[in-house]
Amino acid sequence: MAMRREQVEAEARRLPRPERARLAEVLIASLDEEAEIEQAWSAEITRRVAELRAGAVTPIPAEEVFAELEGLLKK
């Protein structure tokens, strides 16, 4: 069984980077017993990206968000 796993790993390493990333996502998701949650997050991400691309929302730089949070935590 170890040899088969090693062969699969070797084949996977030959894939282009984007395909390896997608394969990793699929494999990790297959370990997740809460696939519904993963699907919900995927849908949410898709929705948010669409809003950004459509100009429906204005992104806030991370530095501003962290500064605001830091200010709130100091109160």
Foldseek 3Di string as FASTA:
>chain_A
DVVVVVVVVVVLVPDPPVVNVVVVVVVVCVVDPPVVVVVVVVVVVVVVVVCVVVVVDDDDDPVVVVVVVVVVVVD
